[in-house]
Structure formats: C-alpha cells, structure tokens
Protein backbone atom coordinates (compact mmCIF):
# COMPACT_ATOMS: atom_id res chain seq x y z
CA MET A 1 77.39 88.72 77.82
CA THR A 2 75.45 87.16 75.00
CA ASP A 3 72.19 88.32 73.48
CA ASP A 4 70.23 85.82 75.58
CA GLU A 5 71.95 86.79 78.85
CA LEU A 6 70.84 90.41 78.41
CA THR A 7 67.15 89.52 78.13
CA GLY A 8 65.37 90.69 81.27
CA THR A 9 68.05 93.24 82.22
CA ILE A 10 66.70 96.44 83.77
CA VAL A 11 67.94 99.51 81.87
CA MET A 12 67.47 103.25 81.82
CA VAL A 13 67.31 105.12 78.54
CA HIS A 14 70.08 107.71 78.66
CA PRO A 15 68.55 110.94 80.06
CA GLU A 16 70.46 113.03 77.51
CA LEU A 17 69.27 111.05 74.50
CA PHE A 18 67.56 113.91 72.70
CA ASP A 19 66.58 112.07 69.54
CA ASP A 20 64.83 109.19 71.28
CA PRO A 21 62.36 107.77 68.74
CA VAL A 22 59.78 106.87 71.39
CA GLY A 23 60.46 109.82 73.73
CA ARG A 24 61.52 107.71 76.73
CA ASN A 25 64.81 109.36 77.70
CA GLY A 26 65.42 108.93 81.42
CA GLU A 27 62.82 106.16 81.76
CA ILE A 28 63.25 102.60 83.02
CA GLY A 29 62.59 99.54 80.91
CA VAL A 30 63.51 95.89 80.46
CA ILE A 31 65.51 94.38 77.61
CA THR A 32 63.35 91.95 75.65
CA VAL A 33 65.40 91.25 72.51
CA THR A 34 69.00 91.97 71.52
CA ASP A 35 70.98 91.72 68.35
CA LEU A 36 74.46 92.81 69.37
CA SER A 37 75.86 92.07 65.94
CA ASP A 38 73.72 94.95 64.64
CA ASP A 39 73.94 96.98 67.88
CA LEU A 40 70.18 96.81 68.41
CA VAL A 41 68.34 96.36 71.70
CA ARG A 42 64.57 96.25 72.11
CA VAL A 43 63.31 97.64 75.40
CA LYS A 44 59.83 97.21 76.89
CA PHE A 45 58.45 99.88 79.23
CA GLU A 46 55.84 99.54 81.98
CA ASP A 47 53.01 100.65 79.67
CA ASP A 48 53.99 97.87 77.19
CA GLN A 49 55.37 100.39 74.69
CA ARG A 50 58.59 99.21 73.09
CA GLY A 51 61.59 101.03 71.70
CA LEU A 52 64.63 100.03 69.67
CA TYR A 53 67.96 101.42 70.87
CA ALA A 54 71.69 101.23 70.25
CA THR A 55 73.80 99.96 73.15
CA ASN A 56 75.24 103.42 73.82
CA ALA A 57 71.73 104.80 74.46
CA LEU A 58 71.01 102.47 77.39
CA LEU A 59 72.42 102.60 80.92
CA ILE A 60 72.91 99.59 83.21
CA PHE A 61 74.41 99.23 86.67
CA LYS A 62 78.07 98.85 87.36
CA PRO A 63 78.79 95.78 89.53
CA SER A 64 78.00 96.46 93.19
CA GLU A 65 81.68 95.91 94.07
CA GLN A 66 82.60 98.92 91.92
CA ILE A 67 79.94 101.03 93.60
CA TYR A 68 81.22 100.04 97.07
CA GLN A 69 84.78 100.87 95.99
CA GLN A 70 83.62 104.26 94.74
CA LEU A 71 81.86 104.89 98.06
CA LYS A 72 85.11 104.18 99.91
CA GLN A 73 87.18 106.42 97.64
CA GLU A 74 84.78 109.36 97.42
CA ALA A 75 83.01 109.26 100.78
CA MET A 76 84.14 112.74 101.80
CA GLN A 77 83.14 114.34 98.48
CA LEU A 78 79.62 112.89 98.34
CA THR A 79 76.61 114.53 99.93
CA PRO A 80 74.95 112.43 102.64
CA ALA A 81 71.92 111.87 100.37
CA THR A 82 74.07 110.67 97.46
CA PHE A 83 76.15 108.43 99.73
CA LYS A 84 72.95 106.89 101.12
CA ASP A 85 71.48 106.41 97.63
CA LEU A 86 74.63 104.72 96.32
CA LYS A 87 74.84 102.47 99.38
CA ASN A 88 71.19 101.49 98.97
CA ILE A 89 71.69 100.85 95.24
CA ALA A 90 74.66 98.57 95.93
CA LEU A 91 72.75 96.69 98.65
CA LEU A 92 69.74 96.19 96.37
CA LEU A 93 71.98 94.94 93.57
CA ASP A 94 73.50 92.42 95.99
CA TYR A 95 70.03 90.88 96.47
CA GLY A 96 69.89 90.32 92.72
CA THR A 97 66.15 89.94 92.22
CA PRO A 98 64.49 91.85 89.37
CA GLN A 99 62.32 93.71 91.90
CA GLN A 100 65.38 94.90 93.83
CA GLN A 101 67.17 95.86 90.62
CA ARG A 102 64.18 97.91 89.52
CA LYS A 103 64.01 99.61 92.94
CA ALA A 104 67.73 100.43 92.64
CA MET A 105 67.14 101.89 89.16
CA GLU A 106 64.30 104.02 90.53
CA ILE A 107 66.69 105.44 93.15
CA ALA A 108 69.22 106.25 90.42
CA GLN A 109 66.49 107.79 88.28
CA LYS A 110 65.61 110.27 91.05
CA ASN A 111 69.21 111.33 91.80
CA PRO A 112 71.31 112.26 88.73
CA VAL A 113 74.54 112.29 90.77
CA SER A 114 73.87 108.75 91.98
CA ALA A 115 72.98 107.72 88.44
CA SER A 116 76.23 109.05 87.02
CA SER A 117 78.16 107.16 89.72
CA ALA A 118 76.26 103.85 89.56
CA LEU A 119 75.39 103.51 85.87
CA VAL A 120 77.40 102.88 82.74
CA SER A 121 76.33 102.57 79.12
CA LEU A 122 75.50 99.08 77.96
CA GLU A 123 78.02 99.60 75.18
CA GLU A 124 80.82 100.31 77.69
CA SER A 125 79.76 97.46 79.95
CA LEU A 126 79.94 95.01 77.06
CA GLY A 127 83.25 96.41 75.84
CA ILE A 128 81.82 97.20 72.44
CA SER A 129 83.70 99.84 70.53
CA GLN A 130 81.88 101.50 67.73
CA THR A 131 83.96 101.88 64.63
CA TYR A 132 82.82 104.33 62.07
CA LYS A 133 84.22 104.41 58.56
CA ARG A 134 84.47 107.43 56.37
CA GLY A 135 83.98 106.66 52.77
CA ARG A 136 82.69 107.84 49.50
C-alpha cells in the first residue's frame, strides 16, 4: 500500500502502547496522513484530536479471508462469544464500507481475544521491517 491508499483506513491504537503521546491506547481512529518513508502516521479520533504514531503502534484488520480461515482452524478452541465476534467482524469487512469497518473495529475493541485474532500491526501488514543501527 502507498501513503495515499492508507488515508481513510480505520485503525486502533495498540492497547498496550504505554507511552502514547496523546493517551489514546485502545481507541479507534482514522488515518489522515502517512509518511511511510519516516514511519509516521497521523490519526484523527472522533473528538477531532490527532496523534502521530509509528506503524507498529497501530492495528488494522487482517483480510477477512484470513479471519474465516482462522475460524475454521480454531472453531473448537474459541468460546461461542469470540467465534460470533470474529464471524461478525469478517462479515462486516466483506461489506467494505467505512461504517461497517468501524463497527467491526468496535467489536474488536470490546473483545481482546477477538482483537488479537482479527488485528495485526500496520507495520506487519505493510511488511515493513524496522532496522535499528547501533553506533557511536
């Protein structure tokens, strides 16, 4: 995906992001501006507050096909509530409208098990690998 293709994507700030500069960990927002070359993503929240994040701090949905596959493979291990949530998330993602995507993200936000099964970091989704150099 390019910077422009990410604009408008529904994201959740990683719930375990403890040093969130705007204190929005676990909250839902929309990508407004990206600069992947600098690993920066600006997110707008419902109250119009904005935050600047690295790609590893934001969660997006896996493709619905992956969620369906996971449902097939893990059906017996999932609780009925989690199975239902994941199925509903996948169905909402299939509709593809921003309203349905937001509704799916709200379901994931309420059920951490569903979230861990249906979401992946933006960094991982884009295939970005962070390389850190040690130097003097």
